[in-house]
Amino acid sequence: MAERMTYEEIERAFPGEWVVVRDFVHDDATIIKDGVVVAHTPDRAAAHRALDSFDDAFAIWFVGGPRPGFCGLLTLLR
């Protein structure tokens, strides 16, 4: 079951993984404060495949610092 977590809880719970969050809250600088974790995996391709099932806004990021080929937080509206 998906669980609402704060950004800090997510960072502690999923080191070295890609995290997909929906129903998120962000501040004026678009920094995620909390959200519902709907997927987490160390496999970047698997995380991106999970996005295909969403019709609304989501956020995705890698917990643990920059990775080659990825730059920061990606938030998309479909």
PDB file of N, CA and C in Angstrom:
ATOM      1  N   MET A   1       0.847  -1.189   0.000  1.00  0.00           N
ATOM      2  CA  MET A   1       0.000   0.000   0.000  1.00  0.00           C
ATOM      3  C   MET A   1       0.883   1.240   0.000  1.00  0.00           C
ATOM      4  N   ALA A   2       0.517   2.248  -0.786  1.00  0.00           N
ATOM      5  CA  ALA A   2       1.263   3.490  -0.853  1.00  0.00           C
ATOM      6  C   ALA A   2       1.170   4.226   0.478  1.00  0.00           C
ATOM      7  N   GLU A   3       2.255   4.866   0.832  1.00  0.00           N
ATOM      8  CA  GLU A   3       2.318   5.532   2.134  1.00  0.00           C
ATOM      9  C   GLU A   3       2.786   6.967   1.966  1.00  0.00           C
ATOM     10  N   ARG A   4       2.110   7.912   2.662  1.00  0.00           N
ATOM     11  CA  ARG A   4       2.547   9.303   2.658  1.00  0.00           C
ATOM     12  C   ARG A   4       3.757   9.420   3.573  1.00  0.00           C
ATOM     13  N   MET A   5       4.800  10.044   3.040  1.00  0.00           N
ATOM     14  CA  MET A   5       6.034  10.218   3.790  1.00  0.00           C
ATOM     15  C   MET A   5       6.568  11.626   3.551  1.00  0.00           C
ATOM     16  N   THR A   6       7.322  12.143   4.514  1.00  0.00           N
ATOM     17  CA  THR A   6       8.000  13.415   4.304  1.00  0.00           C
ATOM     18  C   THR A   6       9.220  13.179   3.420  1.00  0.00           C
ATOM     19  N   TYR A   7       9.743  14.234   2.854  1.00  0.00           N
ATOM     20  CA  TYR A   7      10.941  14.129   2.022  1.00  0.00           C
ATOM     21  C   TYR A   7      12.079  13.495   2.818  1.00  0.00           C
ATOM     22  N   GLU A   8      12.234  13.914   4.054  1.00  0.00           N
ATOM     23  CA  GLU A   8      13.303  13.382   4.900  1.00  0.00           C
ATOM     24  C   GLU A   8      13.121  11.888   5.162  1.00  0.00           C
ATOM     25  N   GLU A   9      11.890  11.449   5.386  1.00  0.00           N
ATOM     26  CA  GLU A   9      11.616  10.019   5.594  1.00  0.00           C
ATOM     27  C   GLU A   9      11.949   9.215   4.329  1.00  0.00           C
ATOM     28  N   ILE A  10      11.595   9.766   3.174  1.00  0.00           N
ATOM     29  CA  ILE A  10      11.887   9.101   1.909  1.00  0.00           C
ATOM     30  C   ILE A  10      13.396   8.962   1.724  1.00  0.00           C
ATOM     31  N   GLU A  11      14.133  10.019   1.974  1.00  0.00           N
ATOM     32  CA  GLU A  11      15.582   9.996   1.804  1.00  0.00           C
ATOM     33  C   GLU A  11      16.237   8.968   2.738  1.00  0.00           C
ATOM     34  N   ARG A  12      15.708   8.811   3.948  1.00  0.00           N
ATOM     35  CA  ARG A  12      16.252   7.814   4.889  1.00  0.00           C
ATOM     36  C   ARG A  12      15.841   6.393   4.515  1.00  0.00           C
ATOM     37  N   ALA A  13      14.631   6.225   3.996  1.00  0.00           N
ATOM     38  CA  ALA A  13      14.089   4.889   3.755  1.00  0.00           C
ATOM     39  C   ALA A  13      14.604   4.239   2.463  1.00  0.00           C
ATOM     40  N   PHE A  14      14.976   5.029   1.467  1.00  0.00           N
ATOM     41  CA  PHE A  14      15.278   4.470   0.147  1.00  0.00           C
ATOM     42  C   PHE A  14      16.625   4.920  -0.415  1.00  0.00           C
ATOM     43  N   PRO A  15      17.702   4.814   0.343  1.00  0.00           N
ATOM     44  CA  PRO A  15      19.008   5.235  -0.206  1.00  0.00           C
ATOM     45  C   PRO A  15      19.389   4.363  -1.403  1.00  0.00           C
ATOM     46  N   GLY A  16      19.922   5.010  -2.426  1.00  0.00           N
ATOM     47  CA  GLY A  16      20.353   4.279  -3.607  1.00  0.00           C
ATOM     48  C   GLY A  16      19.221   3.821  -4.506  1.00  0.00           C
ATOM     49  N   GLU A  17      18.030   4.408  -4.352  1.00  0.00           N
ATOM     50  CA  GLU A  17      16.872   4.006  -5.157  1.00  0.00           C
ATOM     51  C   GLU A  17      16.229   5.209  -5.839  1.00  0.00           C
ATOM     52  N   TRP A  18      15.567   4.920  -6.949  1.00  0.00           N
ATOM     53  CA  TRP A  18      14.698   5.888  -7.597  1.00  0.00           C
ATOM     54  C   TRP A  18      13.351   5.833  -6.888  1.00  0.00           C
ATOM     55  N   VAL A  19      12.787   6.994  -6.626  1.00  0.00           N
ATOM     56  CA  VAL A  19      11.519   7.085  -5.891  1.00  0.00           C
ATOM     57  C   VAL A  19      10.508   7.846  -6.749  1.00  0.00           C
ATOM     58  N   VAL A  20       9.303   7.300  -6.851  1.00  0.00           N
ATOM     59  CA  VAL A  20       8.203   7.951  -7.563  1.00  0.00           C
ATOM     60  C   VAL A  20       7.142   8.313  -6.535  1.00  0.00           C
ATOM     61  N   VAL A  21       6.735   9.584  -6.551  1.00  0.00           N
ATOM     62  CA  VAL A  21       5.807  10.112  -5.550  1.00  0.00           C
ATOM     63  C   VAL A  21       4.649  10.787  -6.266  1.00  0.00           C
ATOM     64  N   ARG A  22       3.445  10.537  -5.766  1.00  0.00           N
ATOM     65  CA  ARG A  22       2.244  11.224  -6.253  1.00  0.00           C
ATOM     66  C   ARG A  22       1.596  11.947  -5.083  1.00  0.00           C
ATOM     67  N   ASP A  23       0.585  12.745  -5.396  1.00  0.00           N
ATOM     68  CA  ASP A  23      -0.154  13.480  -4.368  1.00  0.00           C
ATOM     69  C   ASP A  23       0.817  14.201  -3.444  1.00  0.00           C
ATOM     70  N   PHE A  24       1.774  14.907  -4.038  1.00  0.00           N
ATOM     71  CA  PHE A  24       2.823  15.551  -3.261  1.00  0.00           C
ATOM     72  C   PHE A  24       2.504  17.008  -2.957  1.00  0.00           C
ATOM     73  N   VAL A  25       3.175  17.505  -1.947  1.00  0.00           N
ATOM     74  CA  VAL A  25       3.090  18.906  -1.548  1.00  0.00           C
ATOM     75  C   VAL A  25       4.487  19.484  -1.728  1.00  0.00           C
ATOM     76  N   HIS A  26       4.555  20.693  -2.336  1.00  0.00           N
ATOM     77  CA  HIS A  26       5.860  21.333  -2.496  1.00  0.00           C
ATOM     78  C   HIS A  26       5.759  22.789  -2.076  1.00  0.00           C
ATOM     79  N   ASP A  27       6.926  23.382  -1.825  1.00  0.00           N
ATOM     80  CA  ASP A  27       6.952  24.788  -1.439  1.00  0.00           C
ATOM     81  C   ASP A  27       7.017  25.660  -2.690  1.00  0.00           C
ATOM     82  N   ASP A  28       7.164  26.969  -2.502  1.00  0.00           N
ATOM     83  CA  ASP A  28       7.177  27.894  -3.634  1.00  0.00           C
ATOM     84  C   ASP A  28       8.347  27.661  -4.580  1.00  0.00           C
ATOM     85  N   ALA A  29       9.403  27.026  -4.080  1.00  0.00           N
ATOM     86  CA  ALA A  29      10.569  26.729  -4.912  1.00  0.00           C
ATOM     87  C   ALA A  29      10.458  25.337  -5.540  1.00  0.00           C
ATOM     88  N   THR A  30       9.294  24.739  -5.467  1.00  0.00           N
ATOM     89  CA  THR A  30       8.982  23.395  -5.980  1.00  0.00           C
ATOM     90  C   THR A  30       9.816  22.292  -5.328  1.00  0.00           C
ATOM     91  N   ILE A  31      10.213  22.512  -4.092  1.00  0.00           N
ATOM     92  CA  ILE A  31      10.908  21.483  -3.330  1.00  0.00           C
ATOM     93  C   ILE A  31       9.847  20.627  -2.642  1.00  0.00           C
ATOM     94  N   ILE A  32       9.932  19.314  -2.866  1.00  0.00           N
ATOM     95  CA  ILE A  32       8.953  18.388  -2.304  1.00  0.00           C
ATOM     96  C   ILE A  32       9.027  18.392  -0.784  1.00  0.00           C
ATOM     97  N   LYS A  33       7.887  18.530  -0.148  1.00  0.00           N
ATOM     98  CA  LYS A  33       7.791  18.466   1.318  1.00  0.00           C
ATOM     99  C   LYS A  33       7.350  17.080   1.779  1.00  0.00           C
ATOM    100  N   ASP A  34       6.326  16.523   1.115  1.00  0.00           N
ATOM    101  CA  ASP A  34       5.856  15.173   1.404  1.00  0.00           C
ATOM    102  C   ASP A  34       5.033  14.686   0.225  1.00  0.00           C
ATOM    103  N   GLY A  35       4.757  13.388   0.229  1.00  0.00           N
ATOM    104  CA  GLY A  35       3.956  12.809  -0.837  1.00  0.00           C
ATOM    105  C   GLY A  35       3.734  11.337  -0.584  1.00  0.00           C
ATOM    106  N   VAL A  36       2.975  10.730  -1.473  1.00  0.00           N
ATOM    107  CA  VAL A  36       2.659   9.309  -1.381  1.00  0.00           C
ATOM    108  C   VAL A  36       3.631   8.545  -2.280  1.00  0.00           C
ATOM    109  N   VAL A  37       4.441   7.701  -1.677  1.00  0.00           N
ATOM    110  CA  VAL A  37       5.409   6.894  -2.420  1.00  0.00           C
ATOM    111  C   VAL A  37       4.654   5.755  -3.113  1.00  0.00           C
ATOM    112  N   VAL A  38       4.706   5.751  -4.445  1.00  0.00           N
ATOM    113  CA  VAL A  38       3.998   4.720  -5.209  1.00  0.00           C
ATOM    114  C   VAL A  38       4.952   3.726  -5.859  1.00  0.00           C
ATOM    115  N   ALA A  39       6.235   4.050  -5.888  1.00  0.00           N
ATOM    116  CA  ALA A  39       7.233   3.117  -6.419  1.00  0.00           C
ATOM    117  C   ALA A  39       8.606   3.521  -5.920  1.00  0.00           C
ATOM    118  N   HIS A  40       9.455   2.525  -5.705  1.00  0.00           N
ATOM    119  CA  HIS A  40      10.863   2.770  -5.401  1.00  0.00           C
ATOM    120  C   HIS A  40      11.658   1.553  -5.838  1.00  0.00           C
ATOM    121  N   THR A  41      12.786   1.825  -6.489  1.00  0.00           N
ATOM    122  CA  THR A  41      13.604   0.751  -7.049  1.00  0.00           C
ATOM    123  C   THR A  41      14.997   1.287  -7.347  1.00  0.00           C
ATOM    124  N   PRO A  42      16.014   0.439  -7.250  1.00  0.00           N
ATOM    125  CA  PRO A  42      17.346   0.874  -7.662  1.00  0.00           C
ATOM    126  C   PRO A  42      17.497   0.913  -9.196  1.00  0.00           C
ATOM    127  N   ASP A  43      16.537   0.363  -9.908  1.00  0.00           N
ATOM    128  CA  ASP A  43      16.584   0.271 -11.366  1.00  0.00           C
ATOM    129  C   ASP A  43      15.897   1.478 -12.005  1.00  0.00           C
ATOM    130  N   ARG A  44      16.692   2.333 -12.629  1.00  0.00           N
ATOM    131  CA  ARG A  44      16.151   3.555 -13.233  1.00  0.00           C
ATOM    132  C   ARG A  44      15.089   3.236 -14.273  1.00  0.00           C
ATOM    133  N   ALA A  45      15.342   2.258 -15.135  1.00  0.00           N
ATOM    134  CA  ALA A  45      14.382   1.908 -16.189  1.00  0.00           C
ATOM    135  C   ALA A  45      13.055   1.443 -15.593  1.00  0.00           C
ATOM    136  N   ALA A  46      13.110   0.659 -14.533  1.00  0.00           N
ATOM    137  CA  ALA A  46      11.880   0.185 -13.885  1.00  0.00           C
ATOM    138  C   ALA A  46      11.098   1.355 -13.297  1.00  0.00           C
ATOM    139  N   ALA A  47      11.803   2.309 -12.710  1.00  0.00           N
ATOM    140  CA  ALA A  47      11.126   3.488 -12.149  1.00  0.00           C
ATOM    141  C   ALA A  47      10.418   4.262 -13.248  1.00  0.00           C
ATOM    142  N   HIS A  48      11.075   4.447 -14.377  1.00  0.00           N
ATOM    143  CA  HIS A  48      10.459   5.182 -15.473  1.00  0.00           C
ATOM    144  C   HIS A  48       9.306   4.406 -16.110  1.00  0.00           C
ATOM    145  N   ARG A  49       9.390   3.095 -16.138  1.00  0.00           N
ATOM    146  CA  ARG A  49       8.251   2.297 -16.641  1.00  0.00           C
ATOM    147  C   ARG A  49       7.029   2.475 -15.742  1.00  0.00           C
ATOM    148  N   ALA A  50       7.253   2.637 -14.452  1.00  0.00           N
ATOM    149  CA  ALA A  50       6.133   2.829 -13.514  1.00  0.00           C
ATOM    150  C   ALA A  50       5.361   4.098 -13.825  1.00  0.00           C
ATOM    151  N   LEU A  51       6.003   5.069 -14.430  1.00  0.00           N
ATOM    152  CA  LEU A  51       5.351   6.348 -14.733  1.00  0.00           C
ATOM    153  C   LEU A  51       4.245   6.209 -15.772  1.00  0.00           C
ATOM    154  N   ASP A  52       4.325   5.191 -16.594  1.00  0.00           N
ATOM    155  CA  ASP A  52       3.326   5.007 -17.658  1.00  0.00           C
ATOM    156  C   ASP A  52       1.917   4.791 -17.127  1.00  0.00           C
ATOM    157  N   SER A  53       1.795   4.387 -15.880  1.00  0.00           N
ATOM    158  CA  SER A  53       0.460   4.113 -15.332  1.00  0.00           C
ATOM    159  C   SER A  53      -0.188   5.341 -14.694  1.00  0.00           C
ATOM    160  N   PHE A  54       0.485   6.487 -14.731  1.00  0.00           N
ATOM    161  CA  PHE A  54      -0.046   7.691 -14.083  1.00  0.00           C
ATOM    162  C   PHE A  54      -0.550   8.685 -15.112  1.00  0.00           C
ATOM    163  N   ASP A  55      -1.719   9.244 -14.835  1.00  0.00           N
ATOM    164  CA  ASP A  55      -2.288  10.261 -15.712  1.00  0.00           C
ATOM    165  C   ASP A  55      -2.133  11.670 -15.157  1.00  0.00           C
ATOM    166  N   ASP A  56      -1.736  11.790 -13.897  1.00  0.00           N
ATOM    167  CA  ASP A  56      -1.631  13.113 -13.298  1.00  0.00           C
ATOM    168  C   ASP A  56      -0.198  13.362 -12.842  1.00  0.00           C
ATOM    169  N   ALA A  57      -0.002  14.389 -12.062  1.00  0.00           N
ATOM    170  CA  ALA A  57       1.333  14.826 -11.658  1.00  0.00           C
ATOM    171  C   ALA A  57       2.046  13.787 -10.806  1.00  0.00           C
ATOM    172  N   PHE A  58       3.346  13.736 -10.977  1.00  0.00           N
ATOM    173  CA  PHE A  58       4.200  12.870 -10.167  1.00  0.00           C
ATOM    174  C   PHE A  58       5.557  13.544 -10.037  1.00  0.00           C
ATOM    175  N   ALA A  59       6.329  13.084  -9.104  1.00  0.00           N
ATOM    176  CA  ALA A  59       7.714  13.519  -8.961  1.00  0.00           C
ATOM    177  C   ALA A  59       8.577  12.269  -8.911  1.00  0.00           C
ATOM    178  N   ILE A  60       9.772  12.363  -9.475  1.00  0.00           N
ATOM    179  CA  ILE A  60      10.694  11.233  -9.461  1.00  0.00           C
ATOM    180  C   ILE A  60      12.091  11.775  -9.194  1.00  0.00           C
ATOM    181  N   TRP A  61      12.846  11.072  -8.353  1.00  0.00           N
ATOM    182  CA  TRP A  61      14.233  11.446  -8.113  1.00  0.00           C
ATOM    183  C   TRP A  61      15.016  10.261  -7.580  1.00  0.00           C
ATOM    184  N   PHE A  62      16.338  10.384  -7.689  1.00  0.00           N
ATOM    185  CA  PHE A  62      17.230   9.366  -7.172  1.00  0.00           C
ATOM    186  C   PHE A  62      17.688   9.791  -5.788  1.00  0.00           C
ATOM    187  N   VAL A  63      17.558   8.918  -4.812  1.00  0.00           N
ATOM    188  CA  VAL A  63      17.977   9.214  -3.446  1.00  0.00           C
ATOM    189  C   VAL A  63      19.459   8.860  -3.329  1.00  0.00           C
ATOM    190  N   GLY A  64      20.269   9.852  -3.102  1.00  0.00           N
ATOM    191  CA  GLY A  64      21.683   9.586  -2.919  1.00  0.00           C
ATOM    192  C   GLY A  64      22.589  10.440  -3.779  1.00  0.00           C
ATOM    193  N   GLY A  65      22.070  11.456  -4.371  1.00  0.00           N
ATOM    194  CA  GLY A  65      22.922  12.344  -5.142  1.00  0.00           C
ATOM    195  C   GLY A  65      22.755  12.167  -6.634  1.00  0.00           C
ATOM    196  N   PRO A  66      23.440  13.009  -7.375  1.00  0.00           N
ATOM    197  CA  PRO A  66      23.319  12.985  -8.837  1.00  0.00           C
ATOM    198  C   PRO A  66      23.784  11.659  -9.430  1.00  0.00           C
ATOM    199  N   ARG A  67      23.102  11.264 -10.501  1.00  0.00           N
ATOM    200  CA  ARG A  67      23.473  10.068 -11.248  1.00  0.00           C
ATOM    201  C   ARG A  67      23.747  10.489 -12.697  1.00  0.00           C
ATOM    202  N   PRO A  68      24.614   9.791 -13.386  1.00  0.00           N
ATOM    203  CA  PRO A  68      24.863  10.143 -14.795  1.00  0.00           C
ATOM    204  C   PRO A  68      23.564  10.137 -15.598  1.00  0.00           C
ATOM    205  N   GLY A  69      23.351  11.181 -16.372  1.00  0.00           N
ATOM    206  CA  GLY A  69      22.182  11.243 -17.240  1.00  0.00           C
ATOM    207  C   GLY A  69      20.917  11.748 -16.578  1.00  0.00           C
ATOM    208  N   PHE A  70      20.996  12.171 -15.325  1.00  0.00           N
ATOM    209  CA  PHE A  70      19.803  12.689 -14.649  1.00  0.00           C
ATOM    210  C   PHE A  70      20.159  13.985 -13.958  1.00  0.00           C
ATOM    211  N   CYS A  71      19.303  14.956 -14.084  1.00  0.00           N
ATOM    212  CA  CYS A  71      19.606  16.268 -13.517  1.00  0.00           C
ATOM    213  C   CYS A  71      18.462  16.732 -12.633  1.00  0.00           C
ATOM    214  N   GLY A  72      18.556  16.506 -11.344  1.00  0.00           N
ATOM    215  CA  GLY A  72      17.600  17.040 -10.385  1.00  0.00           C
ATOM    216  C   GLY A  72      16.261  16.361 -10.367  1.00  0.00           C
ATOM    217  N   LEU A  73      15.263  17.096  -9.921  1.00  0.00           N
ATOM    218  CA  LEU A  73      13.904  16.608  -9.730  1.00  0.00           C
ATOM    219  C   LEU A  73      13.096  16.837 -10.996  1.00  0.00           C
ATOM    220  N   LEU A  74      12.363  15.849 -11.402  1.00  0.00           N
ATOM    221  CA  LEU A  74      11.525  15.939 -12.592  1.00  0.00           C
ATOM    222  C   LEU A  74      10.072  15.854 -12.179  1.00  0.00           C
ATOM    223  N   THR A  75       9.304  16.884 -12.496  1.00  0.00           N
ATOM    224  CA  THR A  75       7.881  16.892 -12.204  1.00  0.00           C
ATOM    225  C   THR A  75       7.150  17.132 -13.517  1.00  0.00           C
ATOM    226  N   LEU A  76       6.245  16.266 -13.884  1.00  0.00           N
ATOM    227  CA  LEU A  76       5.520  16.392 -15.141  1.00  0.00           C
ATOM    228  C   LEU A  76       4.025  16.371 -14.904  1.00  0.00           C
ATOM    229  N   LEU A  77       3.334  17.105 -15.730  1.00  0.00           N
ATOM    230  CA  LEU A  77       1.866  17.042 -15.762  1.00  0.00           C
ATOM    231  C   LEU A  77       1.488  16.470 -17.112  1.00  0.00           C
ATOM    232  N   ARG A  78       0.556  15.539 -17.106  1.00  0.00           N
ATOM    233  CA  ARG A  78       0.094  14.960 -18.369  1.00  0.00           C
ATOM    234  C   ARG A  78      -1.312  15.385 -18.643  1.00  0.00           C
TER     235      ARG A  78
END
